[in-house]
Amino acid sequence: MPVDFSALGVRKFGTIYEGLLENEISIADADLTTKKRSGEQVYWPISDAAKGSPMVVEEGETYLHRASGARKATGSYYAVVRLCTNLSLPQQ
């Protein structure tokens, strides 16, 4: 389903963009569940989880998870205004 981002301002669009950059897409090499670690939900192999833990990602499926934190460690937080402006313009 297409999403119309044209109503978003450049700053709001940049915030969304930066949030997406904090994540990575992976393919599950095992069935996964989630558990809380340091106050954050993380994916965990269901084989290592407590009995009865719900499966949330099946082996072979893609899933979105928090990145390693390398961007945060290097201070790489910058959304190019020109890029955001072009992406937020309505298509004609």
N, C-alpha and C. Protein backbone atom coordinates (compact mmCIF):
# COMPACT_ATOMS: atom_id res chain seq x y z
N MET A 1 0.84 -1.16 0.00
CA MET A 1 0.00 0.00 0.00
C MET A 1 0.90 1.24 0.00
N PRO A 2 0.73 2.15 -0.97
CA PRO A 2 1.54 3.36 -1.02
C PRO A 2 1.24 4.28 0.16
N VAL A 3 2.24 4.98 0.58
CA VAL A 3 2.09 5.95 1.67
C VAL A 3 2.41 7.33 1.12
N ASP A 4 1.54 8.30 1.39
CA ASP A 4 1.74 9.67 0.92
C ASP A 4 2.49 10.46 1.98
N PHE A 5 3.75 10.74 1.70
CA PHE A 5 4.58 11.49 2.64
C PHE A 5 4.56 12.99 2.34
N SER A 6 3.79 13.42 1.35
CA SER A 6 3.82 14.82 0.92
C SER A 6 3.34 15.79 2.00
N ALA A 7 2.55 15.33 2.95
CA ALA A 7 2.05 16.21 4.00
C ALA A 7 3.09 16.44 5.11
N LEU A 8 4.17 15.67 5.10
CA LEU A 8 5.20 15.80 6.13
C LEU A 8 6.17 16.92 5.78
N GLY A 9 6.57 17.66 6.78
CA GLY A 9 7.61 18.66 6.59
C GLY A 9 8.97 17.98 6.52
N VAL A 10 9.97 18.73 6.10
CA VAL A 10 11.31 18.18 5.93
C VAL A 10 11.86 17.66 7.25
N ARG A 11 11.66 18.39 8.33
CA ARG A 11 12.17 17.95 9.64
C ARG A 11 11.53 16.62 10.08
N LYS A 12 10.22 16.52 9.94
CA LYS A 12 9.52 15.30 10.34
C LYS A 12 9.98 14.13 9.47
N PHE A 13 10.09 14.37 8.17
CA PHE A 13 10.56 13.32 7.27
C PHE A 13 11.98 12.89 7.65
N GLY A 14 12.83 13.85 7.99
CA GLY A 14 14.19 13.54 8.42
C GLY A 14 14.22 12.70 9.68
N THR A 15 13.30 12.96 10.59
CA THR A 15 13.21 12.18 11.82
C THR A 15 12.87 10.72 11.52
N ILE A 16 11.92 10.53 10.61
CA ILE A 16 11.55 9.17 10.20
C ILE A 16 12.73 8.48 9.53
N TYR A 17 13.37 9.19 8.64
CA TYR A 17 14.53 8.67 7.90
C TYR A 17 15.63 8.23 8.87
N GLU A 18 15.96 9.09 9.83
CA GLU A 18 17.00 8.77 10.81
C GLU A 18 16.61 7.55 11.64
N GLY A 19 15.33 7.45 12.00
CA GLY A 19 14.87 6.29 12.76
C GLY A 19 15.04 5.00 11.99
N LEU A 20 14.75 5.04 10.70
CA LEU A 20 14.92 3.84 9.88
C LEU A 20 16.39 3.44 9.76
N LEU A 21 17.27 4.43 9.73
CA LEU A 21 18.70 4.13 9.62
C LEU A 21 19.25 3.44 10.86
N GLU A 22 18.53 3.53 11.97
CA GLU A 22 18.95 2.87 13.20
C GLU A 22 18.64 1.37 13.19
N ASN A 23 17.99 0.90 12.14
CA ASN A 23 17.58 -0.50 12.06
C ASN A 23 18.27 -1.22 10.91
N GLU A 24 18.25 -2.53 10.97
CA GLU A 24 18.78 -3.38 9.92
C GLU A 24 17.73 -4.43 9.57
N ILE A 25 17.78 -4.91 8.35
CA ILE A 25 16.92 -6.02 7.94
C ILE A 25 17.78 -7.27 7.89
N SER A 26 17.27 -8.34 8.47
CA SER A 26 17.98 -9.62 8.46
C SER A 26 17.03 -10.74 8.07
N ILE A 27 17.60 -11.87 7.70
CA ILE A 27 16.82 -13.08 7.44
C ILE A 27 17.08 -14.02 8.60
N ALA A 28 16.01 -14.48 9.23
CA ALA A 28 16.15 -15.35 10.40
C ALA A 28 16.75 -16.69 10.00
N ASP A 29 17.84 -17.07 10.66
CA ASP A 29 18.44 -18.38 10.39
C ASP A 29 17.94 -19.43 11.38
N ALA A 30 16.96 -19.04 12.19
CA ALA A 30 16.28 -19.94 13.12
C ALA A 30 14.95 -19.29 13.50
N ASP A 31 14.02 -20.06 14.06
CA ASP A 31 12.79 -19.48 14.59
C ASP A 31 13.16 -18.56 15.75
N LEU A 32 12.53 -17.38 15.79
CA LEU A 32 12.89 -16.38 16.80
C LEU A 32 11.71 -16.00 17.67
N THR A 33 12.02 -15.62 18.89
CA THR A 33 11.08 -15.02 19.81
C THR A 33 11.71 -13.69 20.25
N THR A 34 11.09 -12.99 21.14
CA THR A 34 11.70 -11.77 21.67
C THR A 34 11.85 -11.87 23.18
N LYS A 35 12.82 -11.13 23.69
CA LYS A 35 12.97 -11.02 25.13
C LYS A 35 13.52 -9.63 25.42
N LYS A 36 13.37 -9.20 26.66
CA LYS A 36 13.85 -7.88 27.05
C LYS A 36 15.28 -7.97 27.53
N ARG A 37 16.12 -7.10 26.97
CA ARG A 37 17.51 -7.03 27.42
C ARG A 37 17.86 -5.55 27.54
N SER A 38 18.28 -5.13 28.70
CA SER A 38 18.61 -3.72 28.97
C SER A 38 17.46 -2.80 28.61
N GLY A 39 16.23 -3.24 28.90
CA GLY A 39 15.06 -2.42 28.66
C GLY A 39 14.59 -2.37 27.22
N GLU A 40 15.18 -3.17 26.35
CA GLU A 40 14.83 -3.15 24.93
C GLU A 40 14.47 -4.56 24.46
N GLN A 41 13.44 -4.67 23.61
CA GLN A 41 13.05 -5.96 23.06
C GLN A 41 14.08 -6.39 22.01
N VAL A 42 14.62 -7.60 22.13
CA VAL A 42 15.57 -8.13 21.16
C VAL A 42 15.08 -9.49 20.69
N TYR A 43 15.47 -9.85 19.48
CA TYR A 43 15.12 -11.18 18.95
C TYR A 43 16.09 -12.21 19.50
N TRP A 44 15.55 -13.40 19.74
CA TRP A 44 16.32 -14.46 20.38
C TRP A 44 15.91 -15.79 19.77
N PRO A 45 16.85 -16.71 19.54
CA PRO A 45 16.45 -18.03 19.02
C PRO A 45 15.48 -18.71 19.97
N ILE A 46 14.39 -19.18 19.44
CA ILE A 46 13.37 -19.79 20.28
C ILE A 46 13.90 -21.04 20.98
N SER A 47 14.90 -21.69 20.39
CA SER A 47 15.49 -22.88 21.01
C SER A 47 16.23 -22.55 22.31
N ASP A 48 16.65 -21.28 22.47
CA ASP A 48 17.35 -20.85 23.68
C ASP A 48 16.43 -20.12 24.66
N ALA A 49 15.16 -20.00 24.31
CA ALA A 49 14.22 -19.22 25.12
C ALA A 49 13.49 -20.13 26.12
N ALA A 50 12.79 -19.48 27.03
CA ALA A 50 12.00 -20.23 28.01
C ALA A 50 10.91 -21.03 27.31
N LYS A 51 10.60 -22.19 27.86
CA LYS A 51 9.56 -23.05 27.28
C LYS A 51 8.24 -22.28 27.20
N GLY A 52 7.57 -22.39 26.06
CA GLY A 52 6.30 -21.73 25.86
C GLY A 52 6.42 -20.32 25.28
N SER A 53 7.65 -19.87 25.00
CA SER A 53 7.82 -18.54 24.40
C SER A 53 7.20 -18.54 23.00
N PRO A 54 6.48 -17.49 22.65
CA PRO A 54 5.84 -17.44 21.34
C PRO A 54 6.85 -17.20 20.21
N MET A 55 6.65 -17.88 19.09
CA MET A 55 7.48 -17.64 17.93
C MET A 55 6.95 -16.39 17.23
N VAL A 56 7.83 -15.42 16.97
CA VAL A 56 7.40 -14.19 16.32
C VAL A 56 7.97 -14.03 14.91
N VAL A 57 9.06 -14.76 14.62
CA VAL A 57 9.65 -14.77 13.28
C VAL A 57 10.04 -16.20 12.95
N GLU A 58 9.57 -16.68 11.80
CA GLU A 58 9.92 -18.03 11.38
C GLU A 58 11.26 -18.03 10.65
N GLU A 59 11.98 -19.15 10.74
CA GLU A 59 13.23 -19.31 10.02
C GLU A 59 13.02 -18.99 8.54
N GLY A 60 13.91 -18.17 7.98
CA GLY A 60 13.82 -17.80 6.57
C GLY A 60 13.07 -16.51 6.30
N GLU A 61 12.31 -16.01 7.28
CA GLU A 61 11.59 -14.75 7.12
C GLU A 61 12.53 -13.57 7.35
N THR A 62 12.19 -12.43 6.75
CA THR A 62 12.94 -11.21 7.01
C THR A 62 12.33 -10.50 8.21
N TYR A 63 13.18 -9.80 8.94
CA TYR A 63 12.70 -9.04 10.10
C TYR A 63 13.57 -7.81 10.30
N LEU A 64 13.01 -6.80 10.91
CA LEU A 64 13.68 -5.53 11.18
C LEU A 64 14.10 -5.50 12.63
N HIS A 65 15.37 -5.16 12.88
CA HIS A 65 15.86 -5.09 14.26
C HIS A 65 16.82 -3.93 14.42
N ARG A 66 17.09 -3.58 15.66
CA ARG A 66 17.99 -2.48 15.95
C ARG A 66 19.38 -2.79 15.41
N ALA A 67 20.03 -1.78 14.86
CA ALA A 67 21.37 -1.94 14.32
C ALA A 67 22.39 -2.02 15.45
N SER A 68 23.62 -2.19 15.08
CA SER A 68 24.69 -2.39 16.06
C SER A 68 24.98 -1.18 16.92
N GLY A 69 24.53 -0.01 16.51
CA GLY A 69 24.82 1.21 17.26
C GLY A 69 26.01 1.96 16.70
N ALA A 70 26.57 1.51 15.58
CA ALA A 70 27.74 2.16 15.00
C ALA A 70 27.46 3.61 14.61
N ARG A 71 26.27 3.87 14.07
CA ARG A 71 25.93 5.26 13.71
C ARG A 71 25.90 6.14 14.95
N LYS A 72 25.34 5.62 16.01
CA LYS A 72 25.25 6.39 17.25
C LYS A 72 26.64 6.66 17.81
N ALA A 73 27.51 5.65 17.76
CA ALA A 73 28.86 5.78 18.30
C ALA A 73 29.69 6.81 17.53
N THR A 74 29.44 6.94 16.23
CA THR A 74 30.21 7.88 15.42
C THR A 74 29.54 9.23 15.29
N GLY A 75 28.33 9.39 15.83
CA GLY A 75 27.62 10.65 15.72
C GLY A 75 27.11 10.93 14.33
N SER A 76 26.86 9.88 13.55
CA SER A 76 26.40 10.03 12.17
C SER A 76 24.90 10.26 12.12
N TYR A 77 24.48 11.46 12.45
CA TYR A 77 23.06 11.81 12.43
C TYR A 77 22.88 13.02 11.54
N TYR A 78 22.58 12.79 10.30
CA TYR A 78 22.38 13.91 9.40
C TYR A 78 21.47 13.49 8.26
N ALA A 79 20.36 14.15 8.13
CA ALA A 79 19.46 13.92 7.00
C ALA A 79 19.65 15.08 6.03
N VAL A 80 20.00 14.77 4.81
CA VAL A 80 20.23 15.79 3.81
C VAL A 80 18.90 16.47 3.47
N VAL A 81 18.81 17.77 3.75
CA VAL A 81 17.56 18.50 3.54
C VAL A 81 17.09 18.39 2.10
N ARG A 82 18.00 18.49 1.14
CA ARG A 82 17.63 18.40 -0.27
C ARG A 82 16.98 17.04 -0.57
N LEU A 83 17.55 15.97 -0.01
CA LEU A 83 16.99 14.64 -0.22
C LEU A 83 15.58 14.56 0.38
N CYS A 84 15.44 15.02 1.61
CA CYS A 84 14.14 14.97 2.27
C CYS A 84 13.11 15.83 1.54
N THR A 85 13.53 16.99 1.08
CA THR A 85 12.61 17.86 0.34
C THR A 85 12.13 17.18 -0.93
N ASN A 86 13.05 16.57 -1.68
CA ASN A 86 12.67 15.88 -2.91
C ASN A 86 11.76 14.71 -2.64
N LEU A 87 12.01 13.98 -1.59
CA LEU A 87 11.18 12.82 -1.27
C LEU A 87 9.81 13.20 -0.75
N SER A 88 9.68 14.39 -0.17
CA SER A 88 8.40 14.78 0.40
C SER A 88 7.53 15.58 -0.56
N LEU A 89 8.03 15.87 -1.77
CA LEU A 89 7.21 16.58 -2.75
C LEU A 89 6.15 15.66 -3.34
N PRO A 90 4.94 16.15 -3.58
CA PRO A 90 3.91 15.30 -4.19
C PRO A 90 4.29 14.94 -5.61
N GLN A 91 4.00 13.71 -6.00
CA GLN A 91 4.28 13.26 -7.36
C GLN A 91 3.20 13.75 -8.29
N GLN A 92 3.59 14.11 -9.49
CA GLN A 92 2.61 14.63 -10.45
C GLN A 92 2.47 13.71 -11.63
